[in-house]
């Protein structure tokens, strides 16, 4: 994974260098500039594949054509379209493969990339940008006079422009054509299928998604909360590696720590734990919010344990797999229990998957990359998403004889023989709940801002829609850590919409 930045339209190398300095955590291994015919591209690389050949912005023997990219192309090692020396390309990096496809297919190359990416291609005087289907990898852009500015994170725009916007997922841009979507989350209705066959197909599809993400030239681990999703990923990975490092965080005696120990013993992993306190969370909050680029209450809460897990994991591995996306695909959230109509629930799951790019995926990307760690998300493999959306919601929120609905029921059934019963049927808890982070927030807030002060504070920033004293506290930290927070404030997404509490 990497960070990318650039300015297309004029020659402004110094501004691109400034952007790269602000993105240094995304690419600690190699950094460099590439001067195009009408602009400058900047690339920062965290090396997990092609340790030498990928350590640069890549140009080929086509006149004035070069690429910078952040991401991972999962079919690279086996693809028949791998670049050969006859194309002037010698390495096996993801970016090199993508540029080779662009040479052959032009803008249509995005349909042939199985992976996650944000990329920029200088093609003579033209610029081509693209972002992966779900938006796993981040990308933002802004118009600055006649120039187009783009970067992996919003902090890179600080001092350059206040008008940065998120580049839409599943979209490409060409400087002579504009924006064009190439993927949307499918709207096809659920399909009938025998349960046994569906369970087998679910296991097969998810295993393929995990195996793709094990390709690496560096050690791979798993974030293990002890919940269903991360435990399933750990179980699948363990079947394909000799040694597996797992990582769990929480407050002392938190439920996640206890459950993760059960899974780690069952799978025989090399297990690592980190116990954090309210004082540590308060001390690290400015850094967490700086990297997260949000003041959203729910997002910050989940970012706190993610930061401690990422920091710990980076001491042992360079890549982690996570369970992100399973709740959106399989109805794992409490609010979804209130949706009684199957079609309405299906549409809500589709909507939540399509919106992950600016919420859960933002948290996962920013907090892992803050520690120069690469996160991979098997549940959000395109094949996995499209299969999961064919499963009737009645099998996701399964109604028992006592009328109680069991969340992620089909996922539990599919893996009930892989994990201890107490893990398979453990009640869903969000990361901030199971880790105990929610219990610490009250302590932190009491020393931060009073309800009366928070109400007055929220009224000073009506455009930001602050919803609680807790969120006001996060907002104040955001203003403290950025000299110009306008690009970030205008891009804050929401888990949910509610009035001031």
Protein backbone atom coordinates (compact mmCIF):
# COMPACT_ATOMS: atom_id res chain seq x y z
CA UNK A 1 0.00 0.00 0.00
CA UNK A 2 1.05 3.56 -0.50
CA UNK A 3 0.11 7.19 -0.53
CA UNK A 4 -0.34 9.21 -3.69
CA UNK A 5 -0.56 12.94 -4.35
CA UNK A 6 -0.36 15.17 -7.38
CA UNK A 7 -1.16 18.44 -9.08
CA UNK A 8 -2.14 18.31 -12.74
CA UNK A 9 -2.11 21.56 -14.64
CA UNK A 10 1.13 23.47 -14.35
CA UNK A 11 4.45 22.75 -12.66
CA UNK A 12 4.18 22.96 -8.87
CA UNK A 13 6.65 20.43 -7.53
CA UNK A 14 7.07 22.19 -4.19
CA UNK A 15 3.36 21.92 -3.35
CA UNK A 16 3.42 18.21 -4.22
CA UNK A 17 6.44 17.77 -1.97
CA UNK A 18 4.51 19.48 0.82
CA UNK A 19 1.59 17.08 0.28
CA UNK A 20 3.94 14.12 0.40
CA UNK A 21 5.43 15.28 3.69
CA UNK A 22 1.94 15.26 5.20
CA UNK A 23 1.39 11.72 3.90
CA UNK A 24 4.76 10.33 4.97
CA UNK A 25 3.24 7.68 7.28
CA UNK A 26 1.57 5.99 4.29
CA UNK A 27 4.85 5.22 2.56
CA UNK A 28 7.88 5.05 4.84
CA UNK A 29 9.95 2.83 2.52
CA UNK A 30 10.34 4.88 -0.67
CA UNK A 31 9.17 8.32 -1.81
CA UNK A 32 9.58 10.05 -5.13
CA UNK A 33 8.29 12.53 -7.71
CA UNK A 34 7.41 11.93 -11.33
CA UNK A 35 7.17 14.92 -13.65
CA UNK A 36 4.50 14.54 -16.31
CA UNK A 37 3.93 16.67 -19.38
CA UNK A 38 1.39 18.88 -17.58
CA UNK A 39 1.83 18.17 -13.89
CA UNK A 40 3.61 16.39 -11.05
CA UNK A 41 2.85 13.03 -9.43
CA UNK A 42 4.10 12.08 -5.96
CA UNK A 43 4.32 8.53 -4.65
CA UNK A 44 5.03 7.11 -1.17
CA UNK A 45 5.38 3.35 -0.81
CA UNK A 46 4.91 0.79 1.94
CA UNK A 47 6.55 -2.30 0.44
CA UNK A 48 4.65 -5.58 0.88
CA UNK A 49 5.07 -6.95 -2.67
CA UNK A 50 7.83 -6.66 -5.31
CA UNK A 51 10.13 -5.27 -2.66
CA UNK A 52 12.54 -3.70 -5.15
CA UNK A 53 10.79 -3.43 -8.51
CA UNK A 54 7.80 -1.52 -7.12
CA UNK A 55 9.80 1.10 -5.25
CA UNK A 56 9.22 3.94 -7.67
CA UNK A 57 6.68 5.75 -9.77
CA UNK A 58 6.54 3.60 -12.90
CA UNK A 59 6.99 4.64 -16.50
CA UNK A 60 7.10 2.33 -19.52
CA UNK A 61 8.22 2.52 -23.10
CA UNK A 62 5.04 4.31 -24.18
CA UNK A 63 5.83 8.01 -24.70
CA UNK A 64 5.27 10.16 -21.62
CA UNK A 65 3.18 7.57 -19.73
CA UNK A 66 3.61 6.83 -16.00
CA UNK A 67 1.57 5.58 -13.04
CA UNK A 68 1.41 6.02 -9.27
CA UNK A 69 -0.90 3.80 -7.26
CA UNK A 70 -2.06 2.90 -3.78
CA UNK A 71 -3.55 -0.56 -3.49
CA UNK A 72 -3.34 -4.25 -4.17
CA UNK A 73 -4.25 -6.20 -7.31
CA UNK A 74 -5.05 -9.74 -6.16
CA UNK A 75 -4.90 -11.58 -9.47
CA UNK A 76 -1.44 -10.27 -10.34
CA UNK A 77 0.64 -13.41 -9.64
CA UNK A 78 -1.46 -15.72 -11.84
CA UNK A 79 -2.76 -13.39 -14.52
CA UNK A 80 -1.92 -14.21 -18.11
CA UNK A 81 -1.76 -10.48 -18.74
CA UNK A 82 1.23 -9.96 -16.47
CA UNK A 83 3.59 -7.50 -18.16
CA UNK A 84 6.62 -8.90 -19.92
CA UNK A 85 9.91 -7.33 -20.91
CA UNK A 86 8.53 -6.70 -24.40
CA UNK A 87 6.42 -3.94 -22.84
CA UNK A 88 9.39 -2.28 -21.24
CA UNK A 89 8.29 -3.43 -17.75
CA UNK A 90 10.41 -5.73 -15.63
CA UNK A 91 8.98 -5.89 -12.10
CA UNK A 92 5.84 -7.56 -10.73
CA UNK A 93 4.28 -4.68 -8.82
CA UNK A 94 0.57 -3.93 -8.83
CA UNK A 95 1.14 -0.53 -10.41
CA UNK A 96 3.17 -2.04 -13.23
CA UNK A 97 0.39 -4.50 -14.02
CA UNK A 98 -2.22 -1.71 -13.99
CA UNK A 99 -0.15 0.41 -16.38
CA UNK A 100 0.24 -2.58 -18.69
CA UNK A 101 -3.56 -2.97 -18.76
CA UNK A 102 -3.97 0.73 -19.49
CA UNK A 103 -1.59 0.35 -22.44
CA UNK A 104 -3.83 -2.41 -23.81
CA UNK A 105 -7.33 -1.35 -22.79
CA UNK A 106 -7.22 2.35 -21.98
CA UNK A 107 -9.93 3.48 -19.55
CA UNK A 108 -11.56 0.04 -19.72
CA UNK A 109 -8.68 -1.36 -17.69
CA UNK A 110 -10.65 -0.69 -14.47
CA UNK A 111 -12.97 -3.60 -15.30
CA UNK A 112 -10.02 -6.01 -15.34
CA UNK A 113 -8.53 -5.07 -11.97
CA UNK A 114 -9.47 -7.51 -9.22
CA UNK A 115 -8.40 -5.65 -6.12
CA UNK A 116 -8.43 -2.35 -4.26
CA UNK A 117 -6.76 0.76 -5.62
CA UNK A 118 -6.50 4.49 -6.04
CA UNK A 119 -4.31 5.30 -9.02
CA UNK A 120 -3.20 8.13 -11.28
CA UNK A 121 -1.79 7.74 -14.79
CA UNK A 122 -0.02 10.54 -16.62
CA UNK A 123 -0.75 9.96 -20.29
CA UNK A 124 1.00 12.69 -22.24
CA UNK A 125 -0.89 15.90 -21.48
CA UNK A 126 -3.84 13.93 -20.05
CA UNK A 127 -4.51 12.60 -16.55
CA UNK A 128 -6.45 9.44 -15.67
CA UNK A 129 -7.62 8.74 -12.08
CA UNK A 130 -9.54 5.75 -10.73
CA UNK A 131 -10.74 4.37 -7.40
CA UNK A 132 -11.73 0.79 -6.62
CA UNK A 133 -15.33 -0.44 -6.69
CA UNK A 134 -16.14 -0.15 -2.97
CA UNK A 135 -13.67 2.59 -2.04
CA UNK A 136 -11.38 0.50 0.15
CA UNK A 137 -8.51 2.78 -0.81
CA UNK A 138 -9.03 6.51 -0.25
CA UNK A 139 -8.79 9.32 -2.78
CA UNK A 140 -9.73 13.01 -2.66
CA UNK A 141 -9.56 15.79 -5.22
CA UNK A 142 -10.03 19.54 -5.61
CA UNK A 143 -9.93 22.13 -8.36
CA UNK A 144 -7.36 24.84 -7.74
CA UNK A 145 -7.70 27.36 -10.53
CA UNK A 146 -7.02 25.41 -13.72
CA UNK A 147 -5.17 22.68 -11.84
CA UNK A 148 -6.57 19.45 -10.40
CA UNK A 149 -5.14 18.50 -7.00
CA UNK A 150 -5.51 14.95 -5.66
CA UNK A 151 -4.26 12.93 -2.69
CA UNK A 152 -4.87 9.89 -0.51
CA UNK A 153 -5.83 11.89 2.58
CA UNK A 154 -7.47 15.23 3.27
CA UNK A 155 -4.61 16.54 5.39
CA UNK A 156 -2.53 16.77 2.22
CA UNK A 157 -4.75 19.66 1.01
CA UNK A 158 -3.99 21.79 4.07
CA UNK A 159 -2.84 25.22 2.93
CA UNK A 160 -3.66 24.49 -0.72
CA UNK A 161 -7.46 24.56 -0.90
CA UNK A 162 -10.55 24.29 1.31
CA UNK A 163 -12.66 22.67 -1.39
CA UNK A 164 -11.44 19.07 -1.39
CA UNK A 165 -14.04 16.39 -2.06
CA UNK A 166 -14.06 12.62 -1.85
CA UNK A 167 -13.41 10.90 -5.18
CA UNK A 168 -16.41 8.55 -5.66
CA UNK A 169 -15.73 4.82 -5.36
CA UNK A 170 -16.20 2.71 -8.47
CA UNK A 171 -15.41 5.72 -10.66
CA UNK A 172 -12.74 6.87 -13.10
CA UNK A 173 -11.82 10.36 -14.26
CA UNK A 174 -10.14 11.53 -17.45
CA UNK A 175 -9.03 15.13 -17.86
CA UNK A 176 -10.73 15.39 -21.29
CA UNK A 177 -13.90 13.49 -20.40
CA UNK A 178 -14.63 13.99 -16.71
CA UNK A 179 -16.03 11.45 -14.22
CA UNK A 180 -17.58 8.12 -15.21
CA UNK A 181 -18.86 5.38 -12.85
CA UNK A 182 -17.80 1.81 -13.62
CA UNK A 183 -19.30 -0.10 -10.66
CA UNK A 184 -22.27 0.10 -8.35
CA UNK A 185 -23.26 -2.31 -5.60
CA UNK A 186 -25.71 -4.71 -7.33
CA UNK A 187 -29.46 -4.30 -6.85
CA UNK A 188 -30.43 -7.83 -7.83
CA UNK A 189 -32.96 -9.46 -5.48
CA UNK A 190 -32.14 -12.45 -3.26
CA UNK A 191 -32.29 -15.90 -4.89
CA UNK A 192 -33.79 -19.19 -3.77
CA UNK A 193 -31.28 -21.96 -3.13
CA UNK A 194 -31.10 -25.11 -0.98
CA UNK A 195 -29.63 -24.21 2.41
CA UNK A 196 -26.89 -26.84 2.33
CA UNK A 197 -25.69 -25.71 -1.08
CA UNK A 198 -25.81 -22.07 -0.01
CA UNK A 199 -23.74 -22.74 3.11
CA UNK A 200 -21.10 -24.58 1.07
CA UNK A 201 -20.99 -21.79 -1.50
CA UNK A 202 -20.65 -19.18 1.24
CA UNK A 203 -17.65 -20.99 2.71
CA UNK A 204 -16.07 -21.47 -0.72
CA UNK A 205 -16.54 -17.83 -1.73
CA UNK A 206 -15.14 -16.42 1.50
CA UNK A 207 -12.18 -18.79 1.46
CA UNK A 208 -11.27 -17.64 -2.06
CA UNK A 209 -11.45 -14.04 -0.88
CA UNK A 210 -9.14 -14.76 2.07
CA UNK A 211 -6.62 -16.75 0.02
CA UNK A 212 -6.28 -13.85 -2.44
CA UNK A 213 -5.33 -11.58 0.43
CA UNK A 214 -2.62 -13.87 1.78
CA UNK A 215 -0.33 -13.03 -1.15
CA UNK A 216 2.54 -11.05 0.34
CA UNK A 217 6.31 -10.95 0.63
CA UNK A 218 6.04 -9.89 4.28
CA UNK A 219 4.37 -11.43 7.38
CA UNK A 220 0.56 -11.42 7.58
CA UNK A 221 -1.59 -11.34 10.72
CA UNK A 222 -5.26 -10.98 11.75
CA UNK A 223 -7.05 -8.47 13.97
CA UNK A 224 -8.92 -10.78 16.37
CA UNK A 225 -11.64 -9.27 18.53
CA UNK A 226 -13.12 -12.62 19.46
CA UNK A 227 -16.29 -11.72 17.58
CA UNK A 228 -17.72 -13.89 14.84
CA UNK A 229 -16.30 -12.03 11.83
CA UNK A 230 -12.66 -11.75 12.83
CA UNK A 231 -12.70 -15.27 14.28
CA UNK A 232 -13.90 -16.70 10.96
CA UNK A 233 -11.16 -14.84 9.08
CA UNK A 234 -8.54 -16.10 11.55
CA UNK A 235 -9.81 -19.68 11.21
CA UNK A 236 -9.59 -19.57 7.41
CA UNK A 237 -6.14 -17.99 7.42
CA UNK A 238 -4.86 -20.51 9.97
CA UNK A 239 -5.66 -23.30 7.53
CA UNK A 240 -3.26 -21.82 4.98
CA UNK A 241 -0.25 -20.70 7.02
CA UNK A 242 2.21 -22.43 9.32
CA UNK A 243 2.21 -19.61 11.87
CA UNK A 244 -0.45 -16.96 12.43
CA UNK A 245 -0.10 -13.83 14.55
CA UNK A 246 -3.36 -12.52 16.00
CA UNK A 247 -3.90 -9.19 17.76
CA UNK A 248 -6.49 -8.18 20.33
CA UNK A 249 -6.97 -5.01 22.39
CA UNK A 250 -9.26 -3.80 25.12
CA UNK A 251 -9.52 -2.49 28.64
CA UNK A 252 -8.67 -4.79 31.53
CA UNK A 253 -11.04 -7.80 31.59
CA UNK A 254 -12.92 -6.65 28.51
CA UNK A 255 -15.12 -9.19 26.74
CA UNK A 256 -13.12 -8.97 23.52
CA UNK A 257 -9.87 -9.91 25.23
CA UNK A 258 -11.45 -12.93 26.90
CA UNK A 259 -13.17 -14.14 23.73
CA UNK A 260 -10.06 -13.63 21.60
CA UNK A 261 -8.06 -15.82 23.97
CA UNK A 262 -10.57 -18.62 23.44
CA UNK A 263 -10.21 -18.34 19.65
CA UNK A 264 -6.42 -18.03 19.77
CA UNK A 265 -6.13 -21.20 21.88
CA UNK A 266 -8.51 -23.04 19.59
CA UNK A 267 -6.59 -22.07 16.46
CA UNK A 268 -3.13 -22.24 18.06
CA UNK A 269 -2.06 -18.76 17.00
CA UNK A 270 0.77 -16.57 18.22
CA UNK A 271 -1.49 -14.24 20.14
CA UNK A 272 -0.74 -10.66 21.18
CA UNK A 273 -2.76 -8.47 23.53
CA UNK A 274 -2.66 -4.83 24.50
CA UNK A 275 -4.60 -3.48 27.47
CA UNK A 276 -5.19 0.26 27.29
CA UNK A 277 -6.52 2.72 29.87
CA UNK A 278 -8.61 5.89 29.87
CA UNK A 279 -5.46 7.94 30.39
CA UNK A 280 -3.81 6.35 27.33
CA UNK A 281 -6.91 6.89 25.21
CA UNK A 282 -7.08 10.54 26.28
CA UNK A 283 -3.38 11.03 25.59
CA UNK A 284 -3.53 9.47 22.12
CA UNK A 285 -6.83 11.07 21.11
CA UNK A 286 -5.23 14.01 19.22
CA UNK A 287 -3.10 11.63 17.16
CA UNK A 288 -6.06 9.32 16.53
CA UNK A 289 -8.30 12.16 15.33
CA UNK A 290 -5.47 13.66 13.25
CA UNK A 291 -5.10 10.41 11.33
CA UNK A 292 -8.81 9.54 11.28
CA UNK A 293 -9.80 12.92 9.81
CA UNK A 294 -13.22 12.90 11.46
CA UNK A 295 -15.04 14.03 14.59
CA UNK A 296 -17.98 11.64 14.12
CA UNK A 297 -18.73 10.18 17.54
CA UNK A 298 -19.22 6.57 16.44
CA UNK A 299 -16.21 6.61 14.13
CA UNK A 300 -13.84 8.02 16.76
CA UNK A 301 -15.01 5.46 19.32
CA UNK A 302 -14.16 2.58 17.02
CA UNK A 303 -10.91 4.26 15.94
CA UNK A 304 -9.49 4.20 19.47
CA UNK A 305 -9.12 0.41 19.79
CA UNK A 306 -8.18 0.22 16.09
CA UNK A 307 -5.24 2.55 16.74
CA UNK A 308 -3.90 0.49 19.65
CA UNK A 309 -4.33 -2.75 17.66
CA UNK A 310 -2.55 -1.27 14.64
CA UNK A 311 0.34 0.07 16.69
CA UNK A 312 0.85 -3.32 18.33
CA UNK A 313 0.52 -5.32 15.11
CA UNK A 314 3.04 -3.13 13.25
CA UNK A 315 5.76 -4.45 15.56
CA UNK A 316 5.19 -7.99 14.27
CA UNK A 317 3.64 -7.95 10.76
CA UNK A 318 3.21 -5.60 7.80
CA UNK A 319 -0.23 -6.83 6.70
CA UNK A 320 -3.39 -7.64 8.68
CA UNK A 321 -6.70 -9.13 7.62
CA UNK A 322 -9.86 -7.81 9.28
CA UNK A 323 -13.56 -8.69 9.48
CA UNK A 324 -14.73 -5.32 8.13
CA UNK A 325 -17.92 -5.50 6.07
CA UNK A 326 -19.55 -8.61 7.54
CA UNK A 327 -22.07 -6.63 9.61
CA UNK A 328 -23.19 -4.70 6.55
CA UNK A 329 -23.54 -7.82 4.43
CA UNK A 330 -25.11 -10.12 7.01
CA UNK A 331 -27.22 -7.75 9.18
CA UNK A 332 -25.03 -7.56 12.27
CA UNK A 333 -26.11 -4.20 13.71
CA UNK A 334 -28.73 -3.74 16.40
CA UNK A 335 -30.72 -1.10 14.49
CA UNK A 336 -31.31 -3.58 11.68
CA UNK A 337 -33.41 -5.69 14.06
CA UNK A 338 -36.09 -2.99 13.84
CA UNK A 339 -36.48 -3.39 10.06
CA UNK A 340 -39.27 -5.94 9.68
CA UNK A 341 -39.82 -5.85 5.92
CA UNK A 342 -37.35 -8.20 4.13
CA UNK A 343 -37.06 -6.01 1.04
CA UNK A 344 -36.45 -2.88 3.13
CA UNK A 345 -33.73 -4.70 5.06
CA UNK A 346 -32.13 -5.90 1.82
CA UNK A 347 -32.04 -2.35 0.51
CA UNK A 348 -30.59 -1.08 3.78
CA UNK A 349 -27.80 -3.67 3.66
CA UNK A 350 -27.01 -2.67 0.10
CA UNK A 351 -26.97 1.01 1.10
CA UNK A 352 -24.69 0.36 4.08
CA UNK A 353 -22.18 -1.57 1.95
CA UNK A 354 -22.16 1.23 -0.62
CA UNK A 355 -21.52 3.79 2.15
CA UNK A 356 -18.63 2.02 3.86
CA UNK A 357 -15.99 3.97 1.92
CA UNK A 358 -16.40 7.09 4.07
CA UNK A 359 -17.09 5.41 7.42
CA UNK A 360 -15.74 2.01 8.47
CA UNK A 361 -13.27 1.75 5.61
CA UNK A 362 -11.99 5.23 6.35
CA UNK A 363 -11.29 4.25 9.94
CA UNK A 364 -9.60 0.99 8.93
CA UNK A 365 -7.40 2.62 6.30
CA UNK A 366 -6.37 5.68 8.29
CA UNK A 367 -5.54 4.00 11.60
CA UNK A 368 -3.58 1.13 10.07
CA UNK A 369 -1.70 3.41 7.69
CA UNK A 370 -0.95 5.74 10.61
CA UNK A 371 1.23 2.86 11.80
CA UNK A 372 2.48 1.98 8.28
CA UNK A 373 0.41 -1.21 8.35
CA UNK A 374 -1.65 -2.58 5.46
CA UNK A 375 -5.20 -3.80 6.18
CA UNK A 376 -7.04 -6.21 3.88
CA UNK A 377 -10.80 -6.86 3.97
CA UNK A 378 -11.89 -10.27 2.60
CA UNK A 379 -15.61 -9.79 3.29
CA UNK A 380 -15.56 -6.86 0.85
CA UNK A 381 -14.22 -8.86 -2.06
CA UNK A 382 -16.51 -8.07 -5.01
CA UNK A 383 -17.42 -11.73 -5.53
CA UNK A 384 -18.22 -12.02 -1.82
CA UNK A 385 -20.40 -8.89 -1.83
CA UNK A 386 -22.34 -10.01 -4.88
CA UNK A 387 -22.92 -13.50 -3.45
CA UNK A 388 -23.92 -12.22 0.00
CA UNK A 389 -26.54 -9.91 -1.51
CA UNK A 390 -28.25 -12.92 -3.11
CA UNK A 391 -28.93 -14.41 0.35
CA UNK A 392 -32.47 -13.72 1.63
CA UNK A 393 -32.51 -11.44 4.66
CA UNK A 394 -34.59 -14.04 6.52
CA UNK A 395 -31.41 -16.14 6.67
CA UNK A 396 -29.36 -13.21 7.94
CA UNK A 397 -31.76 -12.11 10.67
CA UNK A 398 -33.24 -15.52 11.43
CA UNK A 399 -36.44 -15.59 13.48
CA UNK A 400 -36.48 -18.38 16.07
CA UNK A 401 -39.53 -20.05 17.61
CA UNK A 402 -39.43 -17.56 20.48
CA UNK A 403 -39.66 -14.74 17.86
CA UNK A 404 -36.13 -13.56 18.71
CA UNK A 405 -34.07 -12.69 15.64
CA UNK A 406 -30.48 -13.95 15.45
CA UNK A 407 -28.14 -11.61 13.58
CA UNK A 408 -25.78 -13.07 10.97
CA UNK A 409 -27.47 -16.45 11.40
CA UNK A 410 -26.33 -17.95 8.09
CA UNK A 411 -22.74 -16.89 8.69
CA UNK A 412 -22.86 -18.57 12.11
CA UNK A 413 -24.30 -21.75 10.59
CA UNK A 414 -21.66 -21.82 7.86
CA UNK A 415 -18.81 -21.82 10.39
CA UNK A 416 -20.28 -23.54 13.45
CA UNK A 417 -17.91 -26.49 12.96
CA UNK A 418 -14.83 -24.26 12.61
CA UNK A 419 -14.94 -22.43 15.95
CA UNK A 420 -15.98 -22.99 19.58
CA UNK A 421 -19.74 -22.81 20.10
CA UNK A 422 -19.39 -19.92 22.55
CA UNK A 423 -17.74 -17.86 19.80
CA UNK A 424 -20.04 -18.85 16.96
CA UNK A 425 -23.15 -17.90 18.91
CA UNK A 426 -21.67 -14.95 20.83
CA UNK A 427 -23.97 -11.91 20.75
CA UNK A 428 -22.74 -9.21 18.39
CA UNK A 429 -20.88 -6.28 19.97
CA UNK A 430 -19.35 -3.38 18.08
CA UNK A 431 -15.58 -2.96 18.37
CA UNK A 432 -15.87 -0.03 20.78
CA UNK A 433 -18.31 -1.96 22.99
CA UNK A 434 -16.54 -5.31 23.20
CA UNK A 435 -13.13 -3.71 23.74
CA UNK A 436 -14.51 -1.60 26.59
CA UNK A 437 -13.83 1.69 24.82
CA UNK A 438 -17.40 2.84 25.37
CA UNK A 439 -16.88 2.45 29.14
CA UNK A 440 -13.85 4.75 28.97
CA UNK A 441 -15.55 7.49 26.99
CA UNK A 442 -17.65 8.66 29.95
CA UNK A 443 -14.49 9.10 32.02
CA UNK A 444 -12.80 11.08 29.27
CA UNK A 445 -15.87 13.25 28.62
CA UNK A 446 -16.32 14.16 32.28
CA UNK A 447 -12.91 15.81 32.24
CA UNK A 448 -13.44 17.32 28.79
CA UNK A 449 -16.59 19.41 28.44
CA UNK A 450 -19.83 19.92 30.40
CA UNK A 451 -23.29 19.49 28.80
CA UNK A 452 -23.95 23.24 29.00
CA UNK A 453 -20.60 24.09 27.44
CA UNK A 454 -21.20 21.47 24.76
CA UNK A 455 -24.58 22.94 23.82
CA UNK A 456 -23.05 26.39 23.45
CA UNK A 457 -20.12 24.95 21.50
CA UNK A 458 -22.42 23.10 19.08
CA UNK A 459 -24.36 26.30 18.42
CA UNK A 460 -21.12 28.00 17.31
CA UNK A 461 -20.66 25.38 14.55
CA UNK A 462 -24.19 24.74 13.22
CA UNK A 463 -22.85 23.62 9.83
CA UNK A 464 -21.12 20.62 11.46
CA UNK A 465 -24.27 19.23 13.13
CA UNK A 466 -22.58 18.31 16.41
CA UNK A 467 -24.75 15.84 18.30
CA UNK A 468 -23.41 15.32 21.83
CA UNK A 469 -20.86 16.62 24.37
CA UNK A 470 -18.64 13.73 23.32
CA UNK A 471 -18.73 14.80 19.69
CA UNK A 472 -18.08 18.43 20.65
CA UNK A 473 -14.95 17.26 22.44
CA UNK A 474 -13.74 15.41 19.34
CA UNK A 475 -14.52 18.44 17.19
CA UNK A 476 -12.42 20.68 19.43
CA UNK A 477 -9.51 18.25 19.20
CA UNK A 478 -9.83 18.27 15.41
CA UNK A 479 -9.59 22.06 15.32
CA UNK A 480 -6.55 21.90 17.61
CA UNK A 481 -4.58 19.41 15.51
CA UNK A 482 -5.21 21.05 12.13
CA UNK A 483 -4.29 24.62 11.32
CA UNK A 484 -6.97 24.55 8.62
CA UNK A 485 -9.66 21.91 9.23
CA UNK A 486 -12.10 23.09 6.54
CA UNK A 487 -11.28 20.36 3.98
CA UNK A 488 -11.85 17.74 6.67
CA UNK A 489 -14.99 19.22 8.23
CA UNK A 490 -16.79 19.34 4.90
CA UNK A 491 -16.11 15.64 4.29
CA UNK A 492 -17.12 14.12 7.64
CA UNK A 493 -19.53 11.25 7.04
CA UNK A 494 -22.02 9.87 9.56
CA UNK A 495 -22.81 6.40 10.89
CA UNK A 496 -26.27 7.67 11.77
CA UNK A 497 -28.25 10.91 11.95
CA UNK A 498 -29.72 11.99 15.26
CA UNK A 499 -30.43 15.25 17.16
CA UNK A 500 -28.15 16.72 19.81
CA UNK A 501 -28.11 14.41 22.83
